[in-house]
PDB file of N, CA and C in Angstrom:
ATOM      1  N   ASP A   1       3.586  58.138  17.895  1.00  0.00           N
ATOM      2  CA  ASP A   1       4.723  57.698  17.825  1.00  0.00           C
ATOM      3  C   ASP A   1       5.349  56.493  16.474  1.00  0.00           C
ATOM      4  N   ALA A   2       5.929  56.701  16.081  1.00  0.00           N
ATOM      5  CA  ALA A   2       6.465  55.896  14.522  1.00  0.00           C
ATOM      6  C   ALA A   2       6.352  54.563  14.656  1.00  0.00           C
ATOM      7  N   LEU A   3       6.774  54.226  16.369  1.00  0.00           N
ATOM      8  CA  LEU A   3       7.468  52.537  16.419  1.00  0.00           C
ATOM      9  C   LEU A   3       5.750  52.105  17.192  1.00  0.00           C
ATOM     10  N   GLU A   4       4.780  52.842  17.439  1.00  0.00           N
ATOM     11  CA  GLU A   4       3.401  52.615  17.936  1.00  0.00           C
ATOM     12  C   GLU A   4       3.073  52.771  16.839  1.00  0.00           C
ATOM     13  N   CYS A   5       3.090  53.107  15.369  1.00  0.00           N
ATOM     14  CA  CYS A   5       2.413  52.640  14.294  1.00  0.00           C
ATOM     15  C   CYS A   5       2.866  51.975  13.263  1.00  0.00           C
ATOM     16  N   TYR A   6       3.910  51.586  14.014  1.00  0.00           N
ATOM     17  CA  TYR A   6       3.789  50.351  13.078  1.00  0.00           C
ATOM     18  C   TYR A   6       3.760  49.095  13.622  1.00  0.00           C
ATOM     19  N   PHE A   7       3.245  49.202  14.917  1.00  0.00           N
ATOM     20  CA  PHE A   7       2.684  48.027  15.908  1.00  0.00           C
ATOM     21  C   PHE A   7       0.852  47.908  15.568  1.00  0.00           C
ATOM     22  N   ARG A   8       0.917  49.274  15.676  1.00  0.00           N
ATOM     23  CA  ARG A   8      -0.692  49.079  15.243  1.00  0.00           C
ATOM     24  C   ARG A   8      -1.219  48.449  14.239  1.00  0.00           C
ATOM     25  N   MET A   9      -0.370  48.892  12.626  1.00  0.00           N
ATOM     26  CA  MET A   9      -0.727  48.199  11.530  1.00  0.00           C
ATOM     27  C   MET A   9      -0.355  47.194  11.219  1.00  0.00           C
ATOM     28  N   ARG A  10       0.185  46.401  12.030  1.00  0.00           N
ATOM     29  CA  ARG A  10       0.815  44.532  12.514  1.00  0.00           C
ATOM     30  C   ARG A  10      -0.846  44.574  12.957  1.00  0.00           C
ATOM     31  N   GLU A  11      -1.440  45.344  13.769  1.00  0.00           N
ATOM     32  CA  GLU A  11      -2.217  44.264  14.361  1.00  0.00           C
ATOM     33  C   GLU A  11      -3.851  44.572  14.024  1.00  0.00           C
ATOM     34  N   LYS A  12      -3.258  45.560  13.128  1.00  0.00           N
ATOM     35  CA  LYS A  12      -4.789  45.674  12.342  1.00  0.00           C
ATOM     36  C   LYS A  12      -4.935  44.579  11.460  1.00  0.00           C
ATOM     37  N   MET A  13      -4.138  44.161  11.145  1.00  0.00           N
ATOM     38  CA  MET A  13      -3.560  43.012   9.702  1.00  0.00           C
ATOM     39  C   MET A  13      -3.607  41.801  10.444  1.00  0.00           C
ATOM     40  N   ALA A  14      -3.480  41.575  11.877  1.00  0.00           N
ATOM     41  CA  ALA A  14      -3.259  40.342  12.270  1.00  0.00           C
ATOM     42  C   ALA A  14      -5.194  40.331  12.389  1.00  0.00           C
ATOM     43  N   ARG A  15      -5.551  41.030  13.057  1.00  0.00           N
ATOM     44  CA  ARG A  15      -7.360  40.764  13.458  1.00  0.00           C
ATOM     45  C   ARG A  15      -8.288  40.867  11.678  1.00  0.00           C
ATOM     46  N   ARG A  16      -7.585  41.329  10.854  1.00  0.00           N
ATOM     47  CA  ARG A  16      -7.975  40.557   9.442  1.00  0.00           C
ATOM     48  C   ARG A  16      -7.717  39.768   9.016  1.00  0.00           C
ATOM     49  N   GLU A  17      -6.607  38.680   9.210  1.00  0.00           N
ATOM     50  CA  GLU A  17      -6.034  37.362   8.636  1.00  0.00           C
ATOM     51  C   GLU A  17      -7.407  36.513   8.018  1.00  0.00           C
ATOM     52  N   THR A  18      -7.499  36.327   8.531  1.00  0.00           N
ATOM     53  CA  THR A  18      -8.877  35.180   8.028  1.00  0.00           C
ATOM     54  C   THR A  18      -9.745  35.532   6.616  1.00  0.00           C
ATOM     55  N   TYR A  19     -10.359  36.690   7.267  1.00  0.00           N
ATOM     56  CA  TYR A  19     -10.613  37.700   5.542  1.00  0.00           C
ATOM     57  C   TYR A  19      -9.893  37.102   4.626  1.00  0.00           C
ATOM     58  N   TYR A  20      -8.685  38.428   4.692  1.00  0.00           N
ATOM     59  CA  TYR A  20      -8.031  37.868   3.397  1.00  0.00           C
ATOM     60  C   TYR A  20      -7.409  36.526   3.323  1.00  0.00           C
ATOM     61  N   LEU A  21      -6.995  35.916   4.284  1.00  0.00           N
ATOM     62  CA  LEU A  21      -7.324  33.945   3.791  1.00  0.00           C
ATOM     63  C   LEU A  21      -8.046  33.516   3.177  1.00  0.00           C
ATOM     64  N   GLN A  22      -9.861  33.953   3.641  1.00  0.00           N
ATOM     65  CA  GLN A  22     -10.338  33.657   2.864  1.00  0.00           C
ATOM     66  C   GLN A  22     -10.870  34.227   1.505  1.00  0.00           C
ATOM     67  N   ARG A  23     -10.398  35.538   0.793  1.00  0.00           N
ATOM     68  CA  ARG A  23     -11.043  36.342   0.063  1.00  0.00           C
ATOM     69  C   ARG A  23      -9.786  36.108  -1.071  1.00  0.00           C
ATOM     70  N   TYR A  24      -8.725  36.038  -0.585  1.00  0.00           N
ATOM     71  CA  TYR A  24      -7.698  36.144  -1.151  1.00  0.00           C
ATOM     72  C   TYR A  24      -6.565  34.706  -1.096  1.00  0.00           C
ATOM     73  N   GLY A  25      -6.644  33.927  -0.126  1.00  0.00           N
ATOM     74  CA  GLY A  25      -5.892  32.565  -0.403  1.00  0.00           C
ATOM     75  C   GLY A  25      -4.554  33.363   0.431  1.00  0.00           C
ATOM     76  N   MET A  26      -4.281  34.244   0.828  1.00  0.00           N
ATOM     77  CA  MET A  26      -3.315  34.800   1.484  1.00  0.00           C
ATOM     78  C   MET A  26      -3.053  36.361   2.084  1.00  0.00           C
ATOM     79  N   ALA A  27      -2.599  36.100   3.067  1.00  0.00           N
ATOM     80  CA  ALA A  27      -2.689  37.173   4.216  1.00  0.00           C
ATOM     81  C   ALA A  27      -1.072  38.287   4.032  1.00  0.00           C
ATOM     82  N   PRO A  28      -2.119  39.799   4.036  1.00  0.00           N
ATOM     83  CA  PRO A  28      -0.667  40.151   3.567  1.00  0.00           C
ATOM     84  C   PRO A  28       0.414  40.747   5.031  1.00  0.00           C
ATOM     85  N   SER A  29       1.922  40.656   4.527  1.00  0.00           N
ATOM     86  CA  SER A  29       2.878  40.696   5.948  1.00  0.00           C
ATOM     87  C   SER A  29       3.964  42.186   5.587  1.00  0.00           C
ATOM     88  N   PHE A  30       4.774  42.530   6.307  1.00  0.00           N
ATOM     89  CA  PHE A  30       5.159  43.485   5.684  1.00  0.00           C
ATOM     90  C   PHE A  30       7.004  43.686   6.415  1.00  0.00           C
ATOM     91  N   LYS A  31       7.643  44.145   6.392  1.00  0.00           N
ATOM     92  CA  LYS A  31       8.648  44.441   6.825  1.00  0.00           C
ATOM     93  C   LYS A  31       8.815  46.160   7.020  1.00  0.00           C
ATOM     94  N   ALA A  32       9.632  46.946   8.193  1.00  0.00           N
ATOM     95  CA  ALA A  32       9.876  47.872   8.334  1.00  0.00           C
ATOM     96  C   ALA A  32      10.974  48.513   9.041  1.00  0.00           C
ATOM     97  N   ALA A  33      11.216  49.561   8.566  1.00  0.00           N
ATOM     98  CA  ALA A  33      12.715  50.208   9.103  1.00  0.00           C
ATOM     99  C   ALA A  33      13.042  51.531   9.101  1.00  0.00           C
ATOM    100  N   LEU A  34      13.737  52.039  10.369  1.00  0.00           N
ATOM    101  CA  LEU A  34      12.866  53.378  10.489  1.00  0.00           C
ATOM    102  C   LEU A  34      14.655  53.816  10.905  1.00  0.00           C
ATOM    103  N   HIS A  35      14.561  55.533  10.298  1.00  0.00           N
ATOM    104  CA  HIS A  35      16.322  55.808  10.891  1.00  0.00           C
ATOM    105  C   HIS A  35      15.907  57.682  10.551  1.00  0.00           C
ATOM    106  N   THR A  36      16.717  57.870  10.652  1.00  0.00           N
ATOM    107  CA  THR A  36      16.477  59.656  10.449  1.00  0.00           C
ATOM    108  C   THR A  36      17.642  60.434  10.213  1.00  0.00           C
ATOM    109  N   GLY A  37      17.497  61.811   9.914  1.00  0.00           N
ATOM    110  CA  GLY A  37      18.580  62.152   9.269  1.00  0.00           C
ATOM    111  C   GLY A  37      17.337  63.539   7.358  1.00  0.00           C
ATOM    112  N   LYS A  38      17.904  63.750   7.162  1.00  0.00           N
ATOM    113  CA  LYS A  38      17.345  64.886   6.057  1.00  0.00           C
ATOM    114  C   LYS A  38      16.985  64.538   4.934  1.00  0.00           C
ATOM    115  N   VAL A  39      15.674  65.078   4.084  1.00  0.00           N
ATOM    116  CA  VAL A  39      15.420  64.604   3.096  1.00  0.00           C
ATOM    117  C   VAL A  39      15.056  65.880   1.766  1.00  0.00           C
ATOM    118  N   VAL A  40      15.465  65.602   0.899  1.00  0.00           N
ATOM    119  CA  VAL A  40      14.816  66.596   0.320  1.00  0.00           C
ATOM    120  C   VAL A  40      14.116  66.254  -0.771  1.00  0.00           C
ATOM    121  N   ALA A  41      12.761  67.502  -1.026  1.00  0.00           N
ATOM    122  CA  ALA A  41      11.624  66.341  -1.355  1.00  0.00           C
ATOM    123  C   ALA A  41      11.698  67.963  -2.287  1.00  0.00           C
ATOM    124  N   GLY A  42      10.617  67.530  -3.456  1.00  0.00           N
ATOM    125  CA  GLY A  42      11.074  68.425  -4.909  1.00  0.00           C
ATOM    126  C   GLY A  42       9.536  67.614  -5.789  1.00  0.00           C
ATOM    127  N   GLU A  43       9.257  68.634  -6.832  1.00  0.00           N
ATOM    128  CA  GLU A  43       8.230  67.878  -7.804  1.00  0.00           C
ATOM    129  C   GLU A  43       8.913  68.851  -8.757  1.00  0.00           C
ATOM    130  N   MET A  44       8.823  67.656  -9.952  1.00  0.00           N
ATOM    131  CA  MET A  44       9.761  67.427 -10.934  1.00  0.00           C
ATOM    132  C   MET A  44       8.586  66.680 -11.889  1.00  0.00           C
ATOM    133  N   GLY A  45       8.535  67.422 -13.233  1.00  0.00           N
ATOM    134  CA  GLY A  45       8.082  67.210 -14.505  1.00  0.00           C
ATOM    135  C   GLY A  45       6.702  68.303 -14.890  1.00  0.00           C
ATOM    136  N   VAL A  46       6.901  68.511 -16.370  1.00  0.00           N
ATOM    137  CA  VAL A  46       6.360  69.501 -16.713  1.00  0.00           C
ATOM    138  C   VAL A  46       4.907  68.428 -17.491  1.00  0.00           C
ATOM    139  N   VAL A  47       3.927  67.943 -17.951  1.00  0.00           N
ATOM    140  CA  VAL A  47       3.579  66.961 -18.298  1.00  0.00           C
ATOM    141  C   VAL A  47       2.772  65.863 -17.164  1.00  0.00           C
ATOM    142  N   LYS A  48       4.081  65.509 -16.904  1.00  0.00           N
ATOM    143  CA  LYS A  48       3.214  64.660 -15.365  1.00  0.00           C
ATOM    144  C   LYS A  48       4.411  64.846 -13.934  1.00  0.00           C
ATOM    145  N   ARG A  49       3.431  65.392 -13.727  1.00  0.00           N
ATOM    146  CA  ARG A  49       3.992  66.140 -12.061  1.00  0.00           C
ATOM    147  C   ARG A  49       3.972  65.316 -11.096  1.00  0.00           C
ATOM    148  N   GLU A  50       4.690  65.235 -10.081  1.00  0.00           N
ATOM    149  CA  GLU A  50       4.923  63.856  -8.663  1.00  0.00           C
ATOM    150  C   GLU A  50       6.257  64.886  -8.077  1.00  0.00           C
ATOM    151  N   ILE A  51       5.898  64.164  -6.697  1.00  0.00           N
ATOM    152  CA  ILE A  51       6.995  64.968  -5.899  1.00  0.00           C
ATOM    153  C   ILE A  51       7.983  63.514  -5.589  1.00  0.00           C
ATOM    154  N   VAL A  52       9.122  64.191  -5.416  1.00  0.00           N
ATOM    155  CA  VAL A  52       9.844  62.890  -5.562  1.00  0.00           C
ATOM    156  C   VAL A  52      10.526  63.231  -4.039  1.00  0.00           C
ATOM    157  N   TYR A  53      11.321  62.599  -3.411  1.00  0.00           N
ATOM    158  CA  TYR A  53      12.567  62.436  -2.354  1.00  0.00           C
ATOM    159  C   TYR A  53      13.570  61.670  -2.625  1.00  0.00           C
ATOM    160  N   SER A  54      14.122  62.895  -1.910  1.00  0.00           N
ATOM    161  CA  SER A  54      16.252  62.587  -2.879  1.00  0.00           C
ATOM    162  C   SER A  54      16.467  62.696  -1.269  1.00  0.00           C
ATOM    163  N   GLY A  55      17.702  62.127  -0.842  1.00  0.00           N
ATOM    164  CA  GLY A  55      19.142  62.193   0.372  1.00  0.00           C
ATOM    165  C   GLY A  55      19.519  60.383   0.183  1.00  0.00           C
ATOM    166  N   ASP A  56      20.682  61.158   1.034  1.00  0.00           N
ATOM    167  CA  ASP A  56      21.558  59.480   1.544  1.00  0.00           C
ATOM    168  C   ASP A  56      20.495  58.828   2.606  1.00  0.00           C
ATOM    169  N   ILE A  57      19.952  59.392   3.300  1.00  0.00           N
ATOM    170  CA  ILE A  57      18.650  58.910   4.289  1.00  0.00           C
ATOM    171  C   ILE A  57      17.933  57.926   3.684  1.00  0.00           C
ATOM    172  N   LEU A  58      17.479  58.243   2.743  1.00  0.00           N
ATOM    173  CA  LEU A  58      16.618  56.630   1.825  1.00  0.00           C
ATOM    174  C   LEU A  58      17.309  55.549   1.205  1.00  0.00           C
ATOM    175  N   ASN A  59      18.842  56.292   1.048  1.00  0.00           N
ATOM    176  CA  ASN A  59      19.685  54.828   1.129  1.00  0.00           C
ATOM    177  C   ASN A  59      19.390  54.001   1.372  1.00  0.00           C
ATOM    178  N   THR A  60      20.053  54.953   3.025  1.00  0.00           N
ATOM    179  CA  THR A  60      20.658  53.671   4.552  1.00  0.00           C
ATOM    180  C   THR A  60      18.997  52.681   4.655  1.00  0.00           C
ATOM    181  N   THR A  61      17.869  53.970   4.693  1.00  0.00           N
ATOM    182  CA  THR A  61      17.120  53.341   5.665  1.00  0.00           C
ATOM    183  C   THR A  61      16.312  52.074   4.427  1.00  0.00           C
ATOM    184  N   ALA A  62      16.869  52.098   3.290  1.00  0.00           N
ATOM    185  CA  ALA A  62      16.945  50.729   2.295  1.00  0.00           C
ATOM    186  C   ALA A  62      17.571  49.868   2.853  1.00  0.00           C
ATOM    187  N   ARG A  63      18.831  49.687   2.256  1.00  0.00           N
ATOM    188  CA  ARG A  63      19.753  49.039   3.112  1.00  0.00           C
ATOM    189  C   ARG A  63      19.197  48.268   4.949  1.00  0.00           C
ATOM    190  N   MET A  64      18.776  49.202   5.288  1.00  0.00           N
ATOM    191  CA  MET A  64      18.611  48.739   6.655  1.00  0.00           C
ATOM    192  C   MET A  64      17.541  47.813   6.335  1.00  0.00           C
ATOM    193  N   LEU A  65      16.510  47.771   5.532  1.00  0.00           N
ATOM    194  CA  LEU A  65      15.053  47.112   6.035  1.00  0.00           C
ATOM    195  C   LEU A  65      15.805  45.750   5.261  1.00  0.00           C
ATOM    196  N   GLU A  66      16.506  45.389   4.067  1.00  0.00           N
ATOM    197  CA  GLU A  66      17.276  44.591   3.137  1.00  0.00           C
ATOM    198  C   GLU A  66      18.064  43.682   4.500  1.00  0.00           C
ATOM    199  N   GLN A  67      18.046  43.999   5.951  1.00  0.00           N
ATOM    200  CA  GLN A  67      18.449  43.604   7.279  1.00  0.00           C
ATOM    201  C   GLN A  67      17.562  42.249   7.132  1.00  0.00           C
ATOM    202  N   CYS A  68      16.350  43.234   7.656  1.00  0.00           N
ATOM    203  CA  CYS A  68      14.830  42.182   7.721  1.00  0.00           C
ATOM    204  C   CYS A  68      14.453  40.754   7.728  1.00  0.00           C
ATOM    205  N   ASN A  69      15.474  40.964   6.632  1.00  0.00           N
ATOM    206  CA  ASN A  69      15.637  39.284   5.649  1.00  0.00           C
ATOM    207  C   ASN A  69      17.171  38.887   6.709  1.00  0.00           C
ATOM    208  N   VAL A  70      17.529  39.208   6.672  1.00  0.00           N
ATOM    209  CA  VAL A  70      19.119  38.704   7.334  1.00  0.00           C
ATOM    210  C   VAL A  70      19.148  38.253   8.389  1.00  0.00           C
ATOM    211  N   TYR A  71      17.753  39.222   9.238  1.00  0.00           N
ATOM    212  CA  TYR A  71      18.313  38.860  11.022  1.00  0.00           C
ATOM    213  C   TYR A  71      17.130  38.408  11.587  1.00  0.00           C
ATOM    214  N   GLY A  72      16.419  37.582   9.778  1.00  0.00           N
ATOM    215  CA  GLY A  72      14.450  37.326  10.457  1.00  0.00           C
ATOM    216  C   GLY A  72      13.877  38.820  11.561  1.00  0.00           C
ATOM    217  N   GLU A  73      14.203  39.637  11.122  1.00  0.00           N
ATOM    218  CA  GLU A  73      13.375  40.917  12.116  1.00  0.00           C
ATOM    219  C   GLU A  73      12.316  41.570  11.082  1.00  0.00           C
ATOM    220  N   PRO A  74      11.080  41.229  11.483  1.00  0.00           N
ATOM    221  CA  PRO A  74      10.326  42.323  10.671  1.00  0.00           C
ATOM    222  C   PRO A  74      10.201  44.299  11.141  1.00  0.00           C
ATOM    223  N   PHE A  75      10.936  44.359  11.902  1.00  0.00           N
ATOM    224  CA  PHE A  75      11.125  45.723  12.313  1.00  0.00           C
ATOM    225  C   PHE A  75      12.728  45.773  12.724  1.00  0.00           C
ATOM    226  N   ILE A  76      13.439  46.812  12.427  1.00  0.00           N
ATOM    227  CA  ILE A  76      14.908  47.423  12.641  1.00  0.00           C
ATOM    228  C   ILE A  76      14.462  48.610  12.654  1.00  0.00           C
ATOM    229  N   ILE A  77      15.555  49.520  13.253  1.00  0.00           N
ATOM    230  CA  ILE A  77      15.667  50.504  13.936  1.00  0.00           C
ATOM    231  C   ILE A  77      17.325  51.151  13.803  1.00  0.00           C
ATOM    232  N   SER A  78      17.509  52.396  13.817  1.00  0.00           N
ATOM    233  CA  SER A  78      19.024  52.719  13.648  1.00  0.00           C
ATOM    234  C   SER A  78      18.764  52.690  15.117  1.00  0.00           C
ATOM    235  N   GLY A  79      20.383  53.018  15.650  1.00  0.00           N
ATOM    236  CA  GLY A  79      20.755  53.496  17.890  1.00  0.00           C
ATOM    237  C   GLY A  79      20.186  54.881  16.970  1.00  0.00           C
ATOM    238  N   GLU A  80      20.132  55.379  15.804  1.00  0.00           N
ATOM    239  CA  GLU A  80      19.970  57.291  16.218  1.00  0.00           C
ATOM    240  C   GLU A  80      18.441  56.922  16.571  1.00  0.00           C
ATOM    241  N   ILE A  81      17.761  56.768  15.615  1.00  0.00           N
ATOM    242  CA  ILE A  81      16.731  56.147  16.249  1.00  0.00           C
ATOM    243  C   ILE A  81      16.821  55.779  18.183  1.00  0.00           C
ATOM    244  N   VAL A  82      17.076  54.754  18.343  1.00  0.00           N
ATOM    245  CA  VAL A  82      16.792  54.477  20.131  1.00  0.00           C
ATOM    246  C   VAL A  82      17.320  55.925  20.878  1.00  0.00           C
ATOM    247  N   ALA A  83      18.192  56.351  20.233  1.00  0.00           N
ATOM    248  CA  ALA A  83      18.464  57.350  21.554  1.00  0.00           C
ATOM    249  C   ALA A  83      17.914  58.412  21.319  1.00  0.00           C
ATOM    250  N   GLN A  84      16.906  58.408  20.209  1.00  0.00           N
ATOM    251  CA  GLN A  84      16.181  60.010  20.272  1.00  0.00           C
ATOM    252  C   GLN A  84      14.497  59.419  21.223  1.00  0.00           C
ATOM    253  N   ILE A  85      14.549  58.231  21.511  1.00  0.00           N
ATOM    254  CA  ILE A  85      13.211  57.658  22.039  1.00  0.00           C
ATOM    255  C   ILE A  85      13.191  58.055  23.684  1.00  0.00           C
ATOM    256  N   SER A  86      12.256  58.480  24.216  1.00  0.00           N
ATOM    257  CA  SER A  86      12.072  58.846  25.894  1.00  0.00           C
ATOM    258  C   SER A  86      11.816  58.077  26.447  1.00  0.00           C
ATOM    259  N   GLU A  87      12.635  57.579  27.431  1.00  0.00           N
ATOM    260  CA  GLU A  87      13.023  56.414  28.489  1.00  0.00           C
ATOM    261  C   GLU A  87      11.063  56.285  28.861  1.00  0.00           C
ATOM    262  N   PRO A  88       9.958  56.987  29.131  1.00  0.00           N
ATOM    263  CA  PRO A  88       9.082  56.572  28.997  1.00  0.00           C
ATOM    264  C   PRO A  88       8.556  55.898  28.136  1.00  0.00           C
ATOM    265  N   VAL A  89       8.764  55.712  26.795  1.00  0.00           N
ATOM    266  CA  VAL A  89       8.083  55.402  25.007  1.00  0.00           C
ATOM    267  C   VAL A  89       9.473  53.994  25.128  1.00  0.00           C
ATOM    268  N   LYS A  90      10.769  54.339  25.395  1.00  0.00           N
ATOM    269  CA  LYS A  90      11.056  53.458  25.558  1.00  0.00           C
ATOM    270  C   LYS A  90      10.709  51.491  26.252  1.00  0.00           C
ATOM    271  N   LYS A  91      10.363  52.189  27.870  1.00  0.00           N
ATOM    272  CA  LYS A  91       9.668  51.080  28.636  1.00  0.00           C
ATOM    273  C   LYS A  91       8.481  49.885  27.936  1.00  0.00           C
ATOM    274  N   ARG A  92       7.874  50.257  26.774  1.00  0.00           N
ATOM    275  CA  ARG A  92       7.206  50.289  26.182  1.00  0.00           C
ATOM    276  C   ARG A  92       7.386  48.748  24.877  1.00  0.00           C
ATOM    277  N   TYR A  93       8.476  49.063  24.853  1.00  0.00           N
ATOM    278  CA  TYR A  93       9.481  47.918  24.341  1.00  0.00           C
ATOM    279  C   TYR A  93      11.096  47.605  23.936  1.00  0.00           C
ATOM    280  N   ALA A  94      10.989  46.128  23.419  1.00  0.00           N
ATOM    281  CA  ALA A  94      12.194  45.724  23.587  1.00  0.00           C
ATOM    282  C   ALA A  94      13.121  45.928  21.975  1.00  0.00           C
ATOM    283  N   PHE A  95      13.984  46.419  22.852  1.00  0.00           N
ATOM    284  CA  PHE A  95      15.119  46.400  21.536  1.00  0.00           C
ATOM    285  C   PHE A  95      16.527  45.260  21.936  1.00  0.00           C
ATOM    286  N   ARG A  96      16.535  44.992  20.793  1.00  0.00           N
ATOM    287  CA  ARG A  96      17.565  43.709  20.123  1.00  0.00           C
ATOM    288  C   ARG A  96      18.989  43.937  19.694  1.00  0.00           C
ATOM    289  N   PRO A  97      20.043  43.919  20.650  1.00  0.00           N
ATOM    290  CA  PRO A  97      21.163  44.614  19.426  1.00  0.00           C
ATOM    291  C   PRO A  97      21.832  43.707  18.610  1.00  0.00           C
ATOM    292  N   LEU A  98      21.494  43.926  16.950  1.00  0.00           N
ATOM    293  CA  LEU A  98      22.156  43.320  15.768  1.00  0.00           C
ATOM    294  C   LEU A  98      23.271  44.122  15.285  1.00  0.00           C
ATOM    295  N   GLY A  99      24.008  45.218  15.788  1.00  0.00           N
ATOM    296  CA  GLY A  99      25.315  44.690  16.028  1.00  0.00           C
ATOM    297  C   GLY A  99      25.270  46.462  14.828  1.00  0.00           C
ATOM    298  N   ASN A 100      26.956  46.488  15.021  1.00  0.00           N
ATOM    299  CA  ASN A 100      26.988  47.851  14.183  1.00  0.00           C
ATOM    300  C   ASN A 100      27.798  47.038  12.895  1.00  0.00           C
ATOM    301  N   LEU A 101      26.835  48.007  11.672  1.00  0.00           N
ATOM    302  CA  LEU A 101      27.025  46.909  10.201  1.00  0.00           C
ATOM    303  C   LEU A 101      27.089  47.941   9.126  1.00  0.00           C
ATOM    304  N   THR A 102      27.989  47.450   8.202  1.00  0.00           N
ATOM    305  CA  THR A 102      28.382  48.660   7.352  1.00  0.00           C
ATOM    306  C   THR A 102      27.512  48.368   6.359  1.00  0.00           C
ATOM    307  N   LEU A 103      26.686  49.063   5.933  1.00  0.00           N
ATOM    308  CA  LEU A 103      25.702  48.535   5.730  1.00  0.00           C
ATOM    309  C   LEU A 103      26.327  48.775   3.447  1.00  0.00           C
ATOM    310  N   ARG A 104      25.401  47.682   2.449  1.00  0.00           N
ATOM    311  CA  ARG A 104      25.940  48.307   1.169  1.00  0.00           C
ATOM    312  C   ARG A 104      25.988  48.841   0.508  1.00  0.00           C
ATOM    313  N   GLY A 105      27.124  49.781  -0.017  1.00  0.00           N
ATOM    314  CA  GLY A 105      27.378  50.948  -0.411  1.00  0.00           C
ATOM    315  C   GLY A 105      27.937  51.767   0.543  1.00  0.00           C
ATOM    316  N   LYS A 106      27.607  51.989   2.159  1.00  0.00           N
ATOM    317  CA  LYS A 106      28.228  52.530   2.533  1.00  0.00           C
ATOM    318  C   LYS A 106      29.545  52.806   3.744  1.00  0.00           C
ATOM    319  N   LEU A 107      29.613  53.620   4.110  1.00  0.00           N
ATOM    320  CA  LEU A 107      31.351  53.498   4.454  1.00  0.00           C
ATOM    321  C   LEU A 107      31.532  53.858   6.186  1.00  0.00           C
ATOM    322  N   ARG A 108      30.363  54.538   6.883  1.00  0.00           N
ATOM    323  CA  ARG A 108      30.502  54.299   8.163  1.00  0.00           C
ATOM    324  C   ARG A 108      29.611  52.892   8.744  1.00  0.00           C
ATOM    325  N   PRO A 109      29.769  52.304   9.295  1.00  0.00           N
ATOM    326  CA  PRO A 109      28.252  51.285  10.406  1.00  0.00           C
ATOM    327  C   PRO A 109      27.500  51.647  10.643  1.00  0.00           C
ATOM    328  N   VAL A 110      26.428  51.463  11.146  1.00  0.00           N
ATOM    329  CA  VAL A 110      25.723  51.837  11.580  1.00  0.00           C
ATOM    330  C   VAL A 110      25.110  51.043  12.215  1.00  0.00           C
ATOM    331  N   SER A 111      24.229  51.363  13.687  1.00  0.00           N
ATOM    332  CA  SER A 111      24.066  50.822  14.894  1.00  0.00           C
ATOM    333  C   SER A 111      22.504  50.148  14.076  1.00  0.00           C
ATOM    334  N   LEU A 112      22.075  48.874  14.966  1.00  0.00           N
ATOM    335  CA  LEU A 112      20.738  48.240  14.287  1.00  0.00           C
ATOM    336  C   LEU A 112      20.566  47.907  15.388  1.00  0.00           C
ATOM    337  N   TYR A 113      19.127  47.639  15.492  1.00  0.00           N
ATOM    338  CA  TYR A 113      18.837  47.086  16.556  1.00  0.00           C
ATOM    339  C   TYR A 113      16.503  46.965  16.514  1.00  0.00           C
ATOM    340  N   GLY A 114      16.352  45.394  16.327  1.00  0.00           N
ATOM    341  CA  GLY A 114      15.027  45.015  16.246  1.00  0.00           C
ATOM    342  C   GLY A 114      14.279  45.371  17.405  1.00  0.00           C
ATOM    343  N   VAL A 115      12.997  45.544  16.658  1.00  0.00           N
ATOM    344  CA  VAL A 115      12.040  45.889  18.054  1.00  0.00           C
ATOM    345  C   VAL A 115      10.982  45.533  17.924  1.00  0.00           C
ATOM    346  N   GLY A 116      10.475  45.121  19.138  1.00  0.00           N
ATOM    347  CA  GLY A 116       9.567  44.526  19.499  1.00  0.00           C
ATOM    348  C   GLY A 116       8.882  45.026  20.733  1.00  0.00           C
ATOM    349  N   LYS A 117       7.300  44.739  21.063  1.00  0.00           N
ATOM    350  CA  LYS A 117       6.609  45.344  21.838  1.00  0.00           C
ATOM    351  C   LYS A 117       7.032  44.465  22.987  1.00  0.00           C
ATOM    352  N   VAL A 118       6.789  45.450  24.328  1.00  0.00           N
ATOM    353  CA  VAL A 118       7.209  44.690  25.951  1.00  0.00           C
ATOM    354  C   VAL A 118       6.129  43.649  25.911  1.00  0.00           C
ATOM    355  N   GLY A 119       6.402  42.158  26.883  1.00  0.00           N
ATOM    356  CA  GLY A 119       5.484  41.187  26.335  1.00  0.00           C
ATOM    357  C   GLY A 119       4.844  40.865  25.310  1.00  0.00           C
ATOM    358  N   GLU A 120       5.218  40.689  24.196  1.00  0.00           N
ATOM    359  CA  GLU A 120       4.490  40.139  22.789  1.00  0.00           C
ATOM    360  C   GLU A 120       5.832  38.554  22.690  1.00  0.00           C
ATOM    361  N   GLY A 121       6.613  38.484  23.444  1.00  0.00           N
ATOM    362  CA  GLY A 121       7.477  36.970  22.946  1.00  0.00           C
ATOM    363  C   GLY A 121       8.959  37.894  22.692  1.00  0.00           C
ATOM    364  N   PHE A 122       9.237  38.920  22.236  1.00  0.00           N
ATOM    365  CA  PHE A 122      10.195  39.347  21.757  1.00  0.00           C
ATOM    366  C   PHE A 122      11.288  38.912  22.449  1.00  0.00           C
TER     367      PHE A 122
END
């Protein structure tokens, strides 16, 4: 599932942290946001073709990603995602409610949650 994908990537990077520090003098880190909705995909260009994704969902998710810095959360998901997660999967994660926020450029508030793995001090 998408939640597990995030945590596995983070764990893999943590295992190689010493290598990154020795080789590059810094270790990579990342933050993520997860939301749900419809996305339109299309191919554009004549000389140089590229696949382009469009939709309000991408804008909303980008605004959610901005909130990672505001709340100090590396991983934020929407209430819509929480509602879609099965109960057995929910038991593996901890969800910290961040509130219903009206994100920049949006009219309706979005319910946001920080996500951690159960047992990892979240």
